[in-house]
Amino acid sequence: MGRLADWVKVGSAPNETVALLMEGLLKGAGVPALVRRASGFDVPDFLAAGPRDVLVPETDVDYARQLLEDTTGLGSWAP
């Protein structure tokens, strides 16, 4: 799947639930996706709370951003 350094942030979510929706949308379209806690919120006690970043491989950035922008309710979280 490549090193994390080869992955690019294509979206932000206010919590894990929204991030997983975004990840599912991307994966459903054939785009590998990864969800990680946003910088400064890497505290296990937060569980599903706290912001998340959605990342994809560099080669899929444009398509992933288009998917997120074209999807009602999720595009507002795309950077």
C-alpha atoms as a PDB file:
ATOM      1  CA  MET A   1       0.000   0.000   0.000  1.00  0.00           C
ATOM      2  CA  GLY A   2       2.955   2.342   0.234  1.00  0.00           C
ATOM      3  CA  ARG A   3       4.587   4.319   2.991  1.00  0.00           C
ATOM      4  CA  LEU A   4       2.522   6.782   4.965  1.00  0.00           C
ATOM      5  CA  ALA A   5       4.712   9.536   3.495  1.00  0.00           C
ATOM      6  CA  ASP A   6       3.211   8.659   0.079  1.00  0.00           C
ATOM      7  CA  TRP A   7      -0.336   9.324   1.353  1.00  0.00           C
ATOM      8  CA  VAL A   8      -2.004  12.738   1.140  1.00  0.00           C
ATOM      9  CA  LYS A   9      -4.778  14.235   3.258  1.00  0.00           C
ATOM     10  CA  VAL A  10      -7.893  14.725   1.136  1.00  0.00           C
ATOM     11  CA  GLY A  11     -10.435  15.368   3.841  1.00  0.00           C
ATOM     12  CA  SER A  12     -11.115  16.116   7.471  1.00  0.00           C
ATOM     13  CA  ALA A  13     -13.938  14.833   9.630  1.00  0.00           C
ATOM     14  CA  PRO A  14     -15.194  16.042  13.005  1.00  0.00           C
ATOM     15  CA  ASN A  15     -15.209  12.476  14.371  1.00  0.00           C
ATOM     16  CA  GLU A  16     -14.502   8.858  13.508  1.00  0.00           C
ATOM     17  CA  THR A  17     -18.040   8.133  12.292  1.00  0.00           C
ATOM     18  CA  VAL A  18     -17.923  10.733   9.527  1.00  0.00           C
ATOM     19  CA  ALA A  19     -14.356   9.726   8.651  1.00  0.00           C
ATOM     20  CA  LEU A  20     -15.442   6.099   8.237  1.00  0.00           C
ATOM     21  CA  LEU A  21     -18.258   7.209   5.926  1.00  0.00           C
ATOM     22  CA  MET A  22     -15.730   9.085   3.803  1.00  0.00           C
ATOM     23  CA  GLU A  23     -13.368   6.100   3.831  1.00  0.00           C
ATOM     24  CA  GLY A  24     -16.194   3.779   2.758  1.00  0.00           C
ATOM     25  CA  LEU A  25     -17.171   6.094  -0.084  1.00  0.00           C
ATOM     26  CA  LEU A  26     -13.602   6.198  -1.355  1.00  0.00           C
ATOM     27  CA  LYS A  27     -13.012   2.468  -1.007  1.00  0.00           C
ATOM     28  CA  GLY A  28     -16.339   1.780  -2.718  1.00  0.00           C
ATOM     29  CA  ALA A  29     -15.053   3.770  -5.691  1.00  0.00           C
ATOM     30  CA  GLY A  30     -11.827   1.759  -5.732  1.00  0.00           C
ATOM     31  CA  VAL A  31      -9.646   4.339  -3.973  1.00  0.00           C
ATOM     32  CA  PRO A  32      -7.525   3.034  -1.089  1.00  0.00           C
ATOM     33  CA  ALA A  33      -8.121   5.203   1.978  1.00  0.00           C
ATOM     34  CA  LEU A  34      -6.741   5.525   5.478  1.00  0.00           C
ATOM     35  CA  VAL A  35      -8.231   7.261   8.520  1.00  0.00           C
ATOM     36  CA  ARG A  36      -6.028   8.635  11.283  1.00  0.00           C
ATOM     37  CA  ARG A  37      -6.562  10.899  14.269  1.00  0.00           C
ATOM     38  CA  ALA A  38      -5.834  14.524  13.513  1.00  0.00           C
ATOM     39  CA  SER A  39      -2.611  15.936  14.857  1.00  0.00           C
ATOM     40  CA  GLY A  40      -2.917  16.811  18.527  1.00  0.00           C
ATOM     41  CA  PHE A  41      -5.829  14.444  19.117  1.00  0.00           C
ATOM     42  CA  ASP A  42      -3.953  11.149  19.268  1.00  0.00           C
ATOM     43  CA  VAL A  43      -5.389  10.241  22.677  1.00  0.00           C
ATOM     44  CA  PRO A  44      -6.910   6.736  22.977  1.00  0.00           C
ATOM     45  CA  ASP A  45      -9.322   7.998  25.666  1.00  0.00           C
ATOM     46  CA  PHE A  46     -11.143  10.006  22.981  1.00  0.00           C
ATOM     47  CA  LEU A  47     -12.353   6.733  21.411  1.00  0.00           C
ATOM     48  CA  ALA A  48     -14.473   7.801  18.397  1.00  0.00           C
ATOM     49  CA  ALA A  49     -14.508  11.481  19.379  1.00  0.00           C
ATOM     50  CA  GLY A  50     -12.148  14.051  17.980  1.00  0.00           C
ATOM     51  CA  PRO A  51     -11.236  15.062  14.459  1.00  0.00           C
ATOM     52  CA  ARG A  52      -9.878  12.626  11.881  1.00  0.00           C
ATOM     53  CA  ASP A  53      -7.906  13.023   8.675  1.00  0.00           C
ATOM     54  CA  VAL A  54      -8.694  10.945   5.590  1.00  0.00           C
ATOM     55  CA  LEU A  55      -5.695  10.077   3.437  1.00  0.00           C
ATOM     56  CA  VAL A  56      -5.248   8.458   0.025  1.00  0.00           C
ATOM     57  CA  PRO A  57      -2.184   7.563  -2.066  1.00  0.00           C
ATOM     58  CA  GLU A  58      -0.698  10.507  -3.978  1.00  0.00           C
ATOM     59  CA  THR A  59      -1.778   8.979  -7.279  1.00  0.00           C
ATOM     60  CA  ASP A  60      -5.476   9.096  -6.269  1.00  0.00           C
ATOM     61  CA  VAL A  61      -5.668  12.607  -4.776  1.00  0.00           C
ATOM     62  CA  ASP A  62      -7.545  14.362  -7.589  1.00  0.00           C
ATOM     63  CA  TYR A  63     -10.132  11.609  -8.008  1.00  0.00           C
ATOM     64  CA  ALA A  64     -10.628  11.274  -4.240  1.00  0.00           C
ATOM     65  CA  ARG A  65     -11.183  15.018  -3.814  1.00  0.00           C
ATOM     66  CA  GLN A  66     -13.684  14.992  -6.678  1.00  0.00           C
ATOM     67  CA  LEU A  67     -15.571  12.095  -5.072  1.00  0.00           C
ATOM     68  CA  LEU A  68     -15.732  13.864  -1.717  1.00  0.00           C
ATOM     69  CA  GLU A  69     -16.787  17.182  -3.258  1.00  0.00           C
ATOM     70  CA  ASP A  70     -19.519  15.558  -5.365  1.00  0.00           C
ATOM     71  CA  THR A  71     -21.060  13.700  -2.426  1.00  0.00           C
ATOM     72  CA  THR A  72     -23.800  15.502  -0.539  1.00  0.00           C
ATOM     73  CA  GLY A  73     -22.917  15.991   3.099  1.00  0.00           C
ATOM     74  CA  LEU A  74     -19.314  14.817   2.811  1.00  0.00           C
ATOM     75  CA  GLY A  75     -17.888  17.389   0.417  1.00  0.00           C
ATOM     76  CA  SER A  76     -18.155  20.073   3.072  1.00  0.00           C
ATOM     77  CA  TRP A  77     -15.420  18.265   4.973  1.00  0.00           C
ATOM     78  CA  ALA A  78     -13.018  18.106   2.022  1.00  0.00           C
ATOM     79  CA  PRO A  79     -10.177  20.629   2.328  1.00  0.00           C
END
